């Protein structure tokens, strides 16, 4: 993983929080006023004259810690040369805000809510403010992505919205009750969709979650049948290994397809 350095001298001189990632300068903003006013916590990293916007829902704790998110951006920056803007959006109630419909708990005690529709609307509402803040062109491509339930939310958004040019779904929760029935009954609106899964994610005692490999293969086949530009990447390990690198691979692949 490339070393990430804070640049204090530039902070003092320019009055901005800047970091260097893989030799590239990024402006780093916590909760820009335009975004915060829309009610959505955000960690925004941007380069000068970005050509694309990456959007990823993450847990609030990840934004506070930052390290893993910066490692993810570092991996993306190492793989693509184009300037980018990356917005990490805070999710306060993971199982509620990212679930497309209500479902009983599969692990733990918390049931899944039905907050995805509201979450999607809030993201769509702040996209113009994000693009304006980053000086992105109005037609600059937007890639929505995430990990686990955030990946399922991103995949669901591909079927529900025309706001996203590509989707990076890393280890999506395609075992979610009723998901494949939904996917079979709907057509994706995003033309580029990345899927990945760990090759040991189905090695679990949980009877629902151990269907994930079969489900992801079926999801991939549905996308192929729909004429979507898609790929399915198998990563070594279980669900809890290297989420930042897995997300970075997904965003990188999407960018490569968009800017061929």
Protein backbone atom coordinates (compact mmCIF):
# COMPACT_ATOMS: atom_id res chain seq x y z
CA UNK A 1 0.00 0.00 0.00
CA UNK A 2 1.40 3.40 -0.95
CA UNK A 3 2.37 5.75 1.86
CA UNK A 4 -0.10 8.55 2.60
CA UNK A 5 1.34 11.82 3.94
CA UNK A 6 -0.34 14.86 5.45
CA UNK A 7 1.11 18.13 4.06
CA UNK A 8 1.06 20.59 6.93
CA UNK A 9 3.00 23.35 5.17
CA UNK A 10 0.50 23.53 2.35
CA UNK A 11 -2.28 23.57 4.92
CA UNK A 12 -0.74 26.62 6.57
CA UNK A 13 0.02 28.50 3.35
CA UNK A 14 -3.17 27.85 1.42
CA UNK A 15 -5.61 27.52 4.30
CA UNK A 16 -6.76 24.16 2.99
CA UNK A 17 -6.41 20.61 4.21
CA UNK A 18 -4.41 18.84 1.54
CA UNK A 19 -2.97 15.37 1.45
CA UNK A 20 -0.64 13.66 -0.98
CA UNK A 21 -1.70 10.24 -2.22
CA UNK A 22 0.67 8.48 -4.60
CA UNK A 23 2.35 11.79 -5.39
CA UNK A 24 -0.96 13.50 -6.23
CA UNK A 25 -2.41 16.39 -4.23
CA UNK A 26 -5.97 16.02 -2.99
CA UNK A 27 -8.06 18.59 -1.19
CA UNK A 28 -9.81 16.98 1.77
CA UNK A 29 -13.07 18.43 3.11
CA UNK A 30 -15.11 17.31 6.11
CA UNK A 31 -18.79 18.14 5.71
CA UNK A 32 -18.66 20.95 3.12
CA UNK A 33 -21.39 23.47 3.91
CA UNK A 34 -23.35 22.72 0.74
CA UNK A 35 -23.35 19.00 1.49
CA UNK A 36 -23.95 19.30 5.22
CA UNK A 37 -26.90 21.57 4.57
CA UNK A 38 -28.45 18.73 2.62
CA UNK A 39 -28.30 16.63 5.77
CA UNK A 40 -25.67 14.17 4.65
CA UNK A 41 -22.32 13.78 6.42
CA UNK A 42 -19.52 13.58 3.88
CA UNK A 43 -15.77 13.17 3.57
CA UNK A 44 -14.84 14.61 0.19
CA UNK A 45 -11.47 14.23 -1.51
CA UNK A 46 -10.85 15.96 -4.81
CA UNK A 47 -8.08 16.69 -7.25
CA UNK A 48 -7.93 19.76 -9.48
CA UNK A 49 -10.20 19.47 -12.52
CA UNK A 50 -11.63 16.03 -11.69
CA UNK A 51 -13.14 14.06 -14.55
CA UNK A 52 -15.39 11.71 -12.58
CA UNK A 53 -17.16 11.51 -9.24
CA UNK A 54 -17.05 8.37 -7.11
CA UNK A 55 -19.71 8.06 -4.40
CA UNK A 56 -19.62 5.48 -1.63
CA UNK A 57 -21.88 5.07 1.43
CA UNK A 58 -19.78 4.11 4.46
CA UNK A 59 -20.29 3.81 8.19
CA UNK A 60 -19.83 7.02 10.19
CA UNK A 61 -16.96 5.41 12.11
CA UNK A 62 -15.00 4.96 8.89
CA UNK A 63 -15.20 8.68 8.15
CA UNK A 64 -13.96 9.48 11.65
CA UNK A 65 -11.08 7.00 11.39
CA UNK A 66 -10.24 7.91 7.75
CA UNK A 67 -7.31 5.49 7.44
CA UNK A 68 -9.14 2.76 5.55
CA UNK A 69 -10.83 5.24 3.22
CA UNK A 70 -7.54 6.93 2.40
CA UNK A 71 -6.03 3.52 1.67
CA UNK A 72 -8.89 2.87 -0.74
CA UNK A 73 -8.32 6.17 -2.54
CA UNK A 74 -4.60 5.39 -2.63
CA UNK A 75 -5.28 2.09 -4.39
CA UNK A 76 -7.54 3.79 -6.94
CA UNK A 77 -5.00 6.57 -7.54
CA UNK A 78 -2.29 3.96 -8.11
CA UNK A 79 -4.38 2.31 -10.81
CA UNK A 80 -5.80 5.28 -12.77
CA UNK A 81 -4.15 8.51 -13.85
CA UNK A 82 -7.21 10.72 -14.37
CA UNK A 83 -8.02 13.31 -11.68
CA UNK A 84 -10.96 12.31 -9.51
CA UNK A 85 -13.37 13.41 -6.81
CA UNK A 86 -14.38 10.86 -4.19
CA UNK A 87 -17.30 11.37 -1.79
CA UNK A 88 -17.73 9.07 1.20
CA UNK A 89 -21.25 9.50 2.59
CA UNK A 90 -21.98 8.65 6.22
CA UNK A 91 -24.59 6.00 7.00
CA UNK A 92 -25.92 6.16 10.55
CA UNK A 93 -28.23 3.13 10.50
CA UNK A 94 -26.64 0.56 8.19
CA UNK A 95 -29.34 -2.12 8.21
CA UNK A 96 -32.15 0.39 7.75
CA UNK A 97 -30.78 3.01 5.37
CA UNK A 98 -29.27 0.56 2.88
CA UNK A 99 -32.02 -2.08 2.77
CA UNK A 100 -34.42 -1.92 -0.20
CA UNK A 101 -37.26 -3.48 1.78
CA UNK A 102 -37.96 -4.89 5.21
CA UNK A 103 -36.63 -8.35 6.01
CA UNK A 104 -36.01 -10.34 9.18
CA UNK A 105 -32.53 -10.38 10.67
CA UNK A 106 -30.18 -12.85 9.00
CA UNK A 107 -27.39 -12.38 11.52
CA UNK A 108 -27.51 -10.56 14.84
CA UNK A 109 -30.78 -9.24 16.20
CA UNK A 110 -31.48 -6.14 14.08
CA UNK A 111 -34.00 -6.60 11.30
CA UNK A 112 -33.48 -4.96 7.93
CA UNK A 113 -35.45 -1.78 7.36
CA UNK A 114 -36.68 -0.21 4.15
CA UNK A 115 -34.64 2.97 4.07
CA UNK A 116 -32.92 2.55 0.71
CA UNK A 117 -35.47 4.65 -1.18
CA UNK A 118 -34.94 7.61 1.13
CA UNK A 119 -31.17 7.10 1.04
CA UNK A 120 -31.17 7.07 -2.76
CA UNK A 121 -33.26 10.24 -2.91
CA UNK A 122 -30.88 12.00 -0.53
CA UNK A 123 -27.85 11.01 -2.63
CA UNK A 124 -29.53 12.14 -5.85
CA UNK A 125 -30.41 15.43 -4.15
CA UNK A 126 -26.80 16.22 -3.22
CA UNK A 127 -25.18 15.18 -6.51
CA UNK A 128 -25.53 18.70 -8.02
CA UNK A 129 -23.96 20.22 -4.89
CA UNK A 130 -21.12 17.70 -4.98
CA UNK A 131 -20.43 18.38 -8.65
CA UNK A 132 -20.55 22.13 -8.10
CA UNK A 133 -18.27 21.96 -5.07
CA UNK A 134 -15.73 19.91 -7.06
CA UNK A 135 -16.07 22.01 -10.24
CA UNK A 136 -17.10 18.90 -12.14
CA UNK A 137 -18.80 19.18 -15.50
CA UNK A 138 -22.55 18.57 -15.34
CA UNK A 139 -22.16 15.53 -17.59
CA UNK A 140 -19.17 14.11 -15.70
CA UNK A 141 -19.77 10.42 -14.98
CA UNK A 142 -20.84 9.34 -11.50
CA UNK A 143 -19.91 5.91 -10.12
CA UNK A 144 -21.81 4.64 -7.10
CA UNK A 145 -20.27 1.81 -5.14
CA UNK A 146 -19.84 0.17 -1.80
CA UNK A 147 -19.17 -2.96 0.19
CA UNK A 148 -21.51 -5.60 1.58
CA UNK A 149 -24.97 -4.09 2.19
CA UNK A 150 -23.76 -0.80 0.69
CA UNK A 151 -22.88 -2.80 -2.43
CA UNK A 152 -26.38 -4.26 -2.53
CA UNK A 153 -27.77 -0.74 -2.13
CA UNK A 154 -25.60 0.40 -5.05
CA UNK A 155 -26.77 -2.54 -7.14
CA UNK A 156 -30.41 -1.82 -6.28
CA UNK A 157 -29.84 1.84 -7.22
CA UNK A 158 -28.72 0.66 -10.66
CA UNK A 159 -32.25 -0.65 -11.20
CA UNK A 160 -34.01 2.36 -9.67
CA UNK A 161 -32.12 5.43 -10.88
CA UNK A 162 -30.59 6.95 -14.01
CA UNK A 163 -28.22 9.12 -11.93
CA UNK A 164 -25.29 6.71 -12.05
CA UNK A 165 -23.16 5.80 -15.04
CA UNK A 166 -21.56 2.79 -13.39
CA UNK A 167 -21.89 0.67 -10.26
CA UNK A 168 -19.08 -0.90 -8.21
CA UNK A 169 -20.65 -3.62 -6.05
CA UNK A 170 -17.95 -5.32 -3.97
CA UNK A 171 -19.15 -8.40 -2.11
CA UNK A 172 -22.81 -7.34 -2.37
CA UNK A 173 -25.37 -8.93 -0.05
CA UNK A 174 -27.16 -10.67 -2.91
CA UNK A 175 -28.34 -13.30 -0.43
CA UNK A 176 -30.78 -10.62 0.82
CA UNK A 177 -34.30 -12.11 1.08
CA UNK A 178 -36.22 -11.47 -2.13
CA UNK A 179 -33.29 -9.89 -3.97
CA UNK A 180 -32.99 -12.26 -6.93
CA UNK A 181 -36.75 -12.17 -7.51
CA UNK A 182 -36.48 -8.39 -7.69
CA UNK A 183 -33.49 -8.52 -10.06
CA UNK A 184 -35.30 -10.93 -12.37
CA UNK A 185 -38.32 -8.61 -12.56
CA UNK A 186 -36.43 -5.36 -13.29
CA UNK A 187 -34.00 -3.98 -15.88
CA UNK A 188 -30.84 -2.12 -14.82
CA UNK A 189 -30.61 1.54 -15.82
CA UNK A 190 -26.83 1.74 -15.33
CA UNK A 191 -24.88 0.31 -18.26
CA UNK A 192 -21.72 -0.70 -16.39
CA UNK A 193 -21.82 -2.91 -13.29
CA UNK A 194 -18.92 -4.51 -11.43
CA UNK A 195 -19.47 -7.48 -9.13
CA UNK A 196 -17.02 -9.23 -6.84
CA UNK A 197 -17.06 -11.81 -4.09
CA UNK A 198 -14.55 -13.49 -1.81
CA UNK A 199 -13.98 -17.12 -2.73
CA UNK A 200 -14.62 -18.19 0.87
CA UNK A 201 -17.67 -16.03 1.60
CA UNK A 202 -19.98 -19.02 1.32
CA UNK A 203 -17.99 -20.94 3.95
CA UNK A 204 -20.33 -20.05 6.80
CA UNK A 205 -22.82 -21.86 9.01
CA UNK A 206 -25.46 -19.24 8.28
CA UNK A 207 -27.91 -20.96 5.90
CA UNK A 208 -28.89 -17.72 4.15
CA UNK A 209 -25.43 -16.24 3.72
CA UNK A 210 -23.87 -19.47 2.46
CA UNK A 211 -26.00 -19.14 -0.69
CA UNK A 212 -24.06 -16.01 -1.67
CA UNK A 213 -21.83 -17.66 -4.31
CA UNK A 214 -24.82 -19.16 -6.11
CA UNK A 215 -26.65 -15.85 -5.85
CA UNK A 216 -23.77 -13.76 -7.23
CA UNK A 217 -23.40 -16.10 -10.21
CA UNK A 218 -27.11 -15.79 -10.95
CA UNK A 219 -26.93 -12.01 -10.57
CA UNK A 220 -24.02 -11.86 -13.01
CA UNK A 221 -25.90 -14.01 -15.52
CA UNK A 222 -28.93 -11.70 -15.28
CA UNK A 223 -26.77 -8.68 -16.05
CA UNK A 224 -25.18 -10.43 -19.01
CA UNK A 225 -28.60 -11.37 -20.37
CA UNK A 226 -29.67 -7.73 -20.05
CA UNK A 227 -26.71 -6.59 -22.17
CA UNK A 228 -24.95 -4.82 -19.31
CA UNK A 229 -21.20 -4.35 -19.49
CA UNK A 230 -20.30 -6.41 -16.43
CA UNK A 231 -17.67 -8.57 -14.80
CA UNK A 232 -17.52 -10.88 -11.80
CA UNK A 233 -14.23 -10.89 -9.91
CA UNK A 234 -13.37 -13.53 -7.33
CA UNK A 235 -11.14 -12.30 -4.52
CA UNK A 236 -9.25 -14.60 -2.17
CA UNK A 237 -10.65 -14.82 1.35
CA UNK A 238 -13.85 -14.38 3.29
CA UNK A 239 -16.22 -11.43 3.55
CA UNK A 240 -14.19 -9.53 6.11
CA UNK A 241 -10.84 -9.39 4.32
CA UNK A 242 -9.50 -6.33 2.49
CA UNK A 243 -12.77 -4.41 1.89
CA UNK A 244 -10.93 -1.20 0.91
CA UNK A 245 -8.85 -2.95 -1.74
CA UNK A 246 -11.90 -4.79 -3.06
CA UNK A 247 -13.84 -1.54 -3.40
CA UNK A 248 -10.87 0.10 -5.08
CA UNK A 249 -10.74 -2.70 -7.66
CA UNK A 250 -14.40 -2.17 -8.42
CA UNK A 251 -14.15 1.58 -8.87
CA UNK A 252 -11.01 1.16 -10.97
CA UNK A 253 -12.70 -1.30 -13.33
CA UNK A 254 -15.68 1.02 -13.75
CA UNK A 255 -13.43 3.97 -14.56
CA UNK A 256 -11.53 1.90 -17.10
CA UNK A 257 -14.80 1.05 -18.87
CA UNK A 258 -16.03 4.65 -18.79
CA UNK A 259 -12.84 6.18 -20.19
CA UNK A 260 -11.80 3.61 -22.77
